[in-house]
PDB file of all heavy atoms in Angstrom:
ATOM      1  N   ARG A   1      -2.171 -12.630   3.436  1.00  0.00           N
ATOM      2  CA  ARG A   1      -1.687 -13.103   4.732  1.00  0.00           C
ATOM      3  C   ARG A   1      -1.896 -14.580   4.911  1.00  0.00           C
ATOM      4  O   ARG A   1      -1.060 -15.307   5.444  1.00  0.00           O
ATOM      5  CB  ARG A   1      -2.373 -12.276   5.843  1.00  0.00           C
ATOM      6  CG  ARG A   1      -1.690 -12.538   7.198  1.00  0.00           C
ATOM      7  CD  ARG A   1      -2.416 -11.847   8.324  1.00  0.00           C
ATOM      8  NE  ARG A   1      -1.683 -12.039   9.566  1.00  0.00           N
ATOM      9  CZ  ARG A   1      -2.229 -11.995  10.776  1.00  0.00           C
ATOM     10  NH1 ARG A   1      -3.517 -11.720  10.897  1.00  0.00           N
ATOM     11  NH2 ARG A   1      -1.479 -12.192  11.857  1.00  0.00           N
ATOM     12  N   ALA A   2      -3.072 -15.058   4.445  1.00  0.00           N
ATOM     13  CA  ALA A   2      -3.393 -16.488   4.591  1.00  0.00           C
ATOM     14  C   ALA A   2      -2.476 -17.366   3.742  1.00  0.00           C
ATOM     15  O   ALA A   2      -2.049 -18.441   4.127  1.00  0.00           O
ATOM     16  CB  ALA A   2      -4.847 -16.756   4.226  1.00  0.00           C
ATOM     17  N   LYS A   3      -2.104 -16.866   2.531  1.00  0.00           N
ATOM     18  CA  LYS A   3      -1.320 -17.644   1.584  1.00  0.00           C
ATOM     19  C   LYS A   3       0.166 -17.463   1.733  1.00  0.00           C
ATOM     20  O   LYS A   3       0.976 -18.420   1.719  1.00  0.00           O
ATOM     21  CB  LYS A   3      -1.707 -17.312   0.162  1.00  0.00           C
ATOM     22  CG  LYS A   3      -3.093 -17.814  -0.297  1.00  0.00           C
ATOM     23  CD  LYS A   3      -3.349 -17.440  -1.746  1.00  0.00           C
ATOM     24  CE  LYS A   3      -4.677 -17.972  -2.217  1.00  0.00           C
ATOM     25  NZ  LYS A   3      -4.934 -17.562  -3.661  1.00  0.00           N
ATOM     26  N   ASP A   4       0.608 -16.182   1.876  1.00  0.00           N
ATOM     27  CA  ASP A   4       2.048 -15.855   1.737  1.00  0.00           C
ATOM     28  C   ASP A   4       2.727 -15.454   3.059  1.00  0.00           C
ATOM     29  O   ASP A   4       3.955 -15.289   3.095  1.00  0.00           O
ATOM     30  CB  ASP A   4       2.218 -14.695   0.752  1.00  0.00           C
ATOM     31  CG  ASP A   4       1.585 -14.989  -0.602  1.00  0.00           C
ATOM     32  OD1 ASP A   4       1.640 -16.158  -1.020  1.00  0.00           O
ATOM     33  OD2 ASP A   4       1.006 -14.075  -1.217  1.00  0.00           O
ATOM     34  N   GLY A   5       1.951 -15.240   4.135  1.00  0.00           N
ATOM     35  CA  GLY A   5       2.571 -14.894   5.401  1.00  0.00           C
ATOM     36  C   GLY A   5       2.723 -13.407   5.630  1.00  0.00           C
ATOM     37  O   GLY A   5       2.399 -12.586   4.769  1.00  0.00           O
ATOM     38  N   ASP A   6       3.177 -13.044   6.814  1.00  0.00           N
ATOM     39  CA  ASP A   6       3.179 -11.660   7.232  1.00  0.00           C
ATOM     40  C   ASP A   6       4.170 -10.770   6.508  1.00  0.00           C
ATOM     41  O   ASP A   6       3.893  -9.601   6.231  1.00  0.00           O
ATOM     42  CB  ASP A   6       3.445 -11.552   8.736  1.00  0.00           C
ATOM     43  CG  ASP A   6       2.274 -12.042   9.578  1.00  0.00           C
ATOM     44  OD1 ASP A   6       1.196 -12.266   8.973  1.00  0.00           O
ATOM     45  OD2 ASP A   6       2.422 -12.145  10.802  1.00  0.00           O
ATOM     46  N   GLU A   7       5.345 -11.297   6.159  1.00  0.00           N
ATOM     47  CA  GLU A   7       6.363 -10.469   5.532  1.00  0.00           C
ATOM     48  C   GLU A   7       5.918  -9.981   4.156  1.00  0.00           C
ATOM     49  O   GLU A   7       6.070  -8.804   3.814  1.00  0.00           O
ATOM     50  CB  GLU A   7       7.678 -11.257   5.435  1.00  0.00           C
ATOM     51  CG  GLU A   7       8.856 -10.388   4.998  1.00  0.00           C
ATOM     52  CD  GLU A   7       9.112  -9.228   5.972  1.00  0.00           C
ATOM     53  OE1 GLU A   7       8.970  -9.413   7.192  1.00  0.00           O
ATOM     54  OE2 GLU A   7       9.446  -8.100   5.479  1.00  0.00           O
ATOM     55  N   ALA A   8       5.388 -10.884   3.351  1.00  0.00           N
ATOM     56  CA  ALA A   8       4.892 -10.487   2.020  1.00  0.00           C
ATOM     57  C   ALA A   8       3.742  -9.496   2.180  1.00  0.00           C
ATOM     58  O   ALA A   8       3.536  -8.611   1.342  1.00  0.00           O
ATOM     59  CB  ALA A   8       4.441 -11.732   1.243  1.00  0.00           C
ATOM     60  N   THR A   9       2.909  -9.686   3.189  1.00  0.00           N
ATOM     61  CA  THR A   9       1.783  -8.806   3.424  1.00  0.00           C
ATOM     62  C   THR A   9       2.269  -7.385   3.767  1.00  0.00           C
ATOM     63  O   THR A   9       1.687  -6.394   3.350  1.00  0.00           O
ATOM     64  CB  THR A   9       0.872  -9.372   4.552  1.00  0.00           C
ATOM     65  OG1 THR A   9       0.544 -10.711   4.263  1.00  0.00           O
ATOM     66  CG2 THR A   9      -0.392  -8.543   4.664  1.00  0.00           C
ATOM     67  N   ARG A  10       3.332  -7.299   4.554  1.00  0.00           N
ATOM     68  CA  ARG A  10       3.884  -5.987   4.932  1.00  0.00           C
ATOM     69  C   ARG A  10       4.397  -5.272   3.686  1.00  0.00           C
ATOM     70  O   ARG A  10       4.279  -4.042   3.552  1.00  0.00           O
ATOM     71  CB  ARG A  10       4.992  -6.127   5.962  1.00  0.00           C
ATOM     72  CG  ARG A  10       4.511  -6.501   7.350  1.00  0.00           C
ATOM     73  CD  ARG A  10       5.647  -6.459   8.354  1.00  0.00           C
ATOM     74  NE  ARG A  10       5.151  -6.762   9.689  1.00  0.00           N
ATOM     75  CZ  ARG A  10       5.137  -7.946  10.249  1.00  0.00           C
ATOM     76  NH1 ARG A  10       5.564  -9.007   9.547  1.00  0.00           N
ATOM     77  NH2 ARG A  10       4.683  -8.127  11.451  1.00  0.00           N
ATOM     78  N   HIS A  11       4.995  -5.999   2.765  1.00  0.00           N
ATOM     79  CA  HIS A  11       5.477  -5.387   1.532  1.00  0.00           C
ATOM     80  C   HIS A  11       4.312  -4.868   0.711  1.00  0.00           C
ATOM     81  O   HIS A  11       4.345  -3.775   0.131  1.00  0.00           O
ATOM     82  CB  HIS A  11       6.264  -6.423   0.693  1.00  0.00           C
ATOM     83  CG  HIS A  11       6.686  -5.952  -0.651  1.00  0.00           C
ATOM     84  ND1 HIS A  11       7.736  -5.042  -0.816  1.00  0.00           N
ATOM     85  CD2 HIS A  11       6.194  -6.153  -1.907  1.00  0.00           C
ATOM     86  CE1 HIS A  11       7.864  -4.775  -2.094  1.00  0.00           C
ATOM     87  NE2 HIS A  11       6.913  -5.421  -2.797  1.00  0.00           N
ATOM     88  N   LEU A  12       3.195  -5.611   0.666  1.00  0.00           N
ATOM     89  CA  LEU A  12       1.995  -5.151  -0.030  1.00  0.00           C
ATOM     90  C   LEU A  12       1.460  -3.893   0.596  1.00  0.00           C
ATOM     91  O   LEU A  12       1.043  -2.939  -0.084  1.00  0.00           O
ATOM     92  CB  LEU A  12       0.911  -6.239  -0.012  1.00  0.00           C
ATOM     93  CG  LEU A  12      -0.452  -5.894  -0.560  1.00  0.00           C
ATOM     94  CD1 LEU A  12      -0.359  -5.544  -2.044  1.00  0.00           C
ATOM     95  CD2 LEU A  12      -1.446  -6.999  -0.361  1.00  0.00           C
ATOM     96  N   ILE A  13       1.444  -3.821   1.944  1.00  0.00           N
ATOM     97  CA  ILE A  13       0.961  -2.618   2.644  1.00  0.00           C
ATOM     98  C   ILE A  13       1.797  -1.389   2.243  1.00  0.00           C
ATOM     99  O   ILE A  13       1.200  -0.346   1.954  1.00  0.00           O
ATOM    100  CB  ILE A  13       1.032  -2.832   4.175  1.00  0.00           C
ATOM    101  CG1 ILE A  13      -0.040  -3.851   4.604  1.00  0.00           C
ATOM    102  CG2 ILE A  13       0.822  -1.513   4.912  1.00  0.00           C
ATOM    103  CD1 ILE A  13       0.113  -4.318   6.049  1.00  0.00           C
ATOM    104  N   ASP A  14       3.102  -1.515   2.190  1.00  0.00           N
ATOM    105  CA  ASP A  14       3.968  -0.363   1.880  1.00  0.00           C
ATOM    106  C   ASP A  14       3.711   0.104   0.424  1.00  0.00           C
ATOM    107  O   ASP A  14       3.629   1.316   0.200  1.00  0.00           O
ATOM    108  CB  ASP A  14       5.436  -0.756   2.013  1.00  0.00           C
ATOM    109  CG  ASP A  14       5.824  -1.019   3.491  1.00  0.00           C
ATOM    110  OD1 ASP A  14       5.069  -0.577   4.368  1.00  0.00           O
ATOM    111  OD2 ASP A  14       6.842  -1.697   3.718  1.00  0.00           O
ATOM    112  N   ALA A  15       3.579  -0.835  -0.438  1.00  0.00           N
ATOM    113  CA  ALA A  15       3.385  -0.446  -1.872  1.00  0.00           C
ATOM    114  C   ALA A  15       2.003   0.232  -2.055  1.00  0.00           C
ATOM    115  O   ALA A  15       1.897   1.263  -2.749  1.00  0.00           O
ATOM    116  CB  ALA A  15       3.495  -1.685  -2.745  1.00  0.00           C
ATOM    117  N   VAL A  16       0.969  -0.365  -1.489  1.00  0.00           N
ATOM    118  CA  VAL A  16      -0.362   0.209  -1.629  1.00  0.00           C
ATOM    119  C   VAL A  16      -0.425   1.593  -0.970  1.00  0.00           C
ATOM    120  O   VAL A  16      -0.985   2.535  -1.528  1.00  0.00           O
ATOM    121  CB  VAL A  16      -1.421  -0.719  -0.963  1.00  0.00           C
ATOM    122  CG1 VAL A  16      -2.772  -0.020  -0.899  1.00  0.00           C
ATOM    123  CG2 VAL A  16      -1.567  -1.988  -1.810  1.00  0.00           C
ATOM    124  N   ALA A  17       0.208   1.737   0.192  1.00  0.00           N
ATOM    125  CA  ALA A  17       0.191   3.021   0.900  1.00  0.00           C
ATOM    126  C   ALA A  17       0.873   4.103   0.082  1.00  0.00           C
ATOM    127  O   ALA A  17       0.386   5.253   0.054  1.00  0.00           O
ATOM    128  CB  ALA A  17       0.894   2.886   2.246  1.00  0.00           C
ATOM    129  N   THR A  18       1.956   3.784  -0.597  1.00  0.00           N
ATOM    130  CA  THR A  18       2.657   4.757  -1.428  1.00  0.00           C
ATOM    131  C   THR A  18       1.793   5.258  -2.574  1.00  0.00           C
ATOM    132  O   THR A  18       1.673   6.463  -2.782  1.00  0.00           O
ATOM    133  CB  THR A  18       3.955   4.166  -1.949  1.00  0.00           C
ATOM    134  OG1 THR A  18       4.847   3.856  -0.866  1.00  0.00           O
ATOM    135  CG2 THR A  18       4.654   5.122  -2.909  1.00  0.00           C
ATOM    136  N   VAL A  19       1.206   4.324  -3.305  1.00  0.00           N
ATOM    137  CA  VAL A  19       0.354   4.712  -4.419  1.00  0.00           C
ATOM    138  C   VAL A  19      -0.862   5.518  -3.939  1.00  0.00           C
ATOM    139  O   VAL A  19      -1.239   6.525  -4.550  1.00  0.00           O
ATOM    140  CB  VAL A  19      -0.110   3.468  -5.198  1.00  0.00           C
ATOM    141  CG1 VAL A  19      -1.112   3.856  -6.293  1.00  0.00           C
ATOM    142  CG2 VAL A  19       1.089   2.761  -5.819  1.00  0.00           C
ATOM    143  N   LEU A  20      -1.426   5.123  -2.839  1.00  0.00           N
ATOM    144  CA  LEU A  20      -2.616   5.828  -2.268  1.00  0.00           C
ATOM    145  C   LEU A  20      -2.273   7.260  -1.878  1.00  0.00           C
ATOM    146  O   LEU A  20      -3.018   8.186  -2.183  1.00  0.00           O
ATOM    147  CB  LEU A  20      -3.116   5.053  -1.042  1.00  0.00           C
ATOM    148  CG  LEU A  20      -4.354   5.662  -0.352  1.00  0.00           C
ATOM    149  CD1 LEU A  20      -5.562   5.653  -1.262  1.00  0.00           C
ATOM    150  CD2 LEU A  20      -4.654   4.887   0.927  1.00  0.00           C
ATOM    151  N   LEU A  21      -1.096   7.448  -1.238  1.00  0.00           N
ATOM    152  CA  LEU A  21      -0.732   8.801  -0.782  1.00  0.00           C
ATOM    153  C   LEU A  21      -0.601   9.736  -1.975  1.00  0.00           C
ATOM    154  O   LEU A  21      -1.109  10.877  -1.930  1.00  0.00           O
ATOM    155  CB  LEU A  21       0.596   8.708  -0.047  1.00  0.00           C
ATOM    156  CG  LEU A  21       1.115  10.096   0.466  1.00  0.00           C
ATOM    157  CD1 LEU A  21       0.203  10.678   1.514  1.00  0.00           C
ATOM    158  CD2 LEU A  21       2.555   9.906   1.045  1.00  0.00           C
ATOM    159  N   TRP A  22       0.096   9.307  -3.040  1.00  0.00           N
ATOM    160  CA  TRP A  22       0.245  10.182  -4.187  1.00  0.00           C
ATOM    161  C   TRP A  22      -1.072  10.483  -4.884  1.00  0.00           C
ATOM    162  O   TRP A  22      -1.339  11.603  -5.327  1.00  0.00           O
ATOM    163  CB  TRP A  22       1.213   9.558  -5.180  1.00  0.00           C
ATOM    164  CG  TRP A  22       2.669   9.695  -4.763  1.00  0.00           C
ATOM    165  CD1 TRP A  22       3.355   8.848  -3.949  1.00  0.00           C
ATOM    166  CD2 TRP A  22       3.571  10.736  -5.103  1.00  0.00           C
ATOM    167  NE1 TRP A  22       4.627   9.277  -3.751  1.00  0.00           N
ATOM    168  CE2 TRP A  22       4.803  10.467  -4.474  1.00  0.00           C
ATOM    169  CE3 TRP A  22       3.479  11.859  -5.907  1.00  0.00           C
ATOM    170  CZ2 TRP A  22       5.920  11.280  -4.602  1.00  0.00           C
ATOM    171  CZ3 TRP A  22       4.589  12.674  -6.066  1.00  0.00           C
ATOM    172  CH2 TRP A  22       5.770  12.402  -5.403  1.00  0.00           C
ATOM    173  N   ALA A  23      -1.930   9.476  -4.962  1.00  0.00           N
ATOM    174  CA  ALA A  23      -3.260   9.674  -5.552  1.00  0.00           C
ATOM    175  C   ALA A  23      -4.075  10.664  -4.743  1.00  0.00           C
ATOM    176  O   ALA A  23      -4.795  11.520  -5.324  1.00  0.00           O
ATOM    177  CB  ALA A  23      -3.996   8.342  -5.668  1.00  0.00           C
ATOM    178  N   LEU A  24      -3.955  10.620  -3.432  1.00  0.00           N
ATOM    179  CA  LEU A  24      -4.733  11.520  -2.566  1.00  0.00           C
ATOM    180  C   LEU A  24      -4.269  12.969  -2.715  1.00  0.00           C
ATOM    181  O   LEU A  24      -5.057  13.915  -2.700  1.00  0.00           O
ATOM    182  CB  LEU A  24      -4.597  11.072  -1.118  1.00  0.00           C
ATOM    183  CG  LEU A  24      -5.295   9.751  -0.786  1.00  0.00           C
ATOM    184  CD1 LEU A  24      -4.983   9.334   0.651  1.00  0.00           C
ATOM    185  CD2 LEU A  24      -6.799   9.889  -0.983  1.00  0.00           C
ATOM    186  N   LEU A  25      -2.958  13.160  -2.821  1.00  0.00           N
ATOM    187  CA  LEU A  25      -2.435  14.521  -2.988  1.00  0.00           C
ATOM    188  C   LEU A  25      -3.016  15.154  -4.258  1.00  0.00           C
ATOM    189  O   LEU A  25      -3.423  16.328  -4.235  1.00  0.00           O
ATOM    190  CB  LEU A  25      -0.918  14.498  -3.020  1.00  0.00           C
ATOM    191  CG  LEU A  25      -0.187  14.188  -1.743  1.00  0.00           C
ATOM    192  CD1 LEU A  25       1.314  13.988  -1.944  1.00  0.00           C
ATOM    193  CD2 LEU A  25      -0.430  15.307  -0.703  1.00  0.00           C
ATOM    194  N   ALA A  26      -3.015  14.388  -5.337  1.00  0.00           N
ATOM    195  CA  ALA A  26      -3.531  14.945  -6.587  1.00  0.00           C
ATOM    196  C   ALA A  26      -5.053  15.188  -6.482  1.00  0.00           C
ATOM    197  O   ALA A  26      -5.538  16.242  -6.972  1.00  0.00           O
ATOM    198  CB  ALA A  26      -3.280  13.934  -7.717  1.00  0.00           C
ATOM    199  N   THR A  27      -5.771  14.279  -5.839  1.00  0.00           N
ATOM    200  CA  THR A  27      -7.224  14.425  -5.698  1.00  0.00           C
ATOM    201  C   THR A  27      -7.571  15.676  -4.917  1.00  0.00           C
ATOM    202  O   THR A  27      -8.484  16.440  -5.270  1.00  0.00           O
ATOM    203  CB  THR A  27      -7.811  13.203  -5.030  1.00  0.00           C
ATOM    204  OG1 THR A  27      -7.514  12.053  -5.805  1.00  0.00           O
ATOM    205  CG2 THR A  27      -9.316  13.338  -4.858  1.00  0.00           C
ATOM    206  N   CYS A  28      -6.864  15.900  -3.812  1.00  0.00           N
ATOM    207  CA  CYS A  28      -7.160  17.066  -2.971  1.00  0.00           C
ATOM    208  C   CYS A  28      -6.899  18.391  -3.683  1.00  0.00           C
ATOM    209  O   CYS A  28      -7.674  19.343  -3.540  1.00  0.00           O
ATOM    210  CB  CYS A  28      -6.356  16.980  -1.653  1.00  0.00           C
ATOM    211  SG  CYS A  28      -6.907  15.691  -0.555  1.00  0.00           S
ATOM    212  N   VAL A  29      -5.811  18.465  -4.445  1.00  0.00           N
ATOM    213  CA  VAL A  29      -5.499  19.697  -5.162  1.00  0.00           C
ATOM    214  C   VAL A  29      -6.589  19.950  -6.229  1.00  0.00           C
ATOM    215  O   VAL A  29      -7.097  21.099  -6.321  1.00  0.00           O
ATOM    216  CB  VAL A  29      -4.115  19.583  -5.876  1.00  0.00           C
ATOM    217  CG1 VAL A  29      -3.896  20.727  -6.833  1.00  0.00           C
ATOM    218  CG2 VAL A  29      -3.017  19.543  -4.798  1.00  0.00           C
TER     219      VAL A  29
END
């Protein structure tokens, strides 16, 4: 956010959230 601004940060949030969700589904099973 400090270097690249809010838009690039929102893209990072979406990508991290996607990988996290799939990892959590596997972990819970």
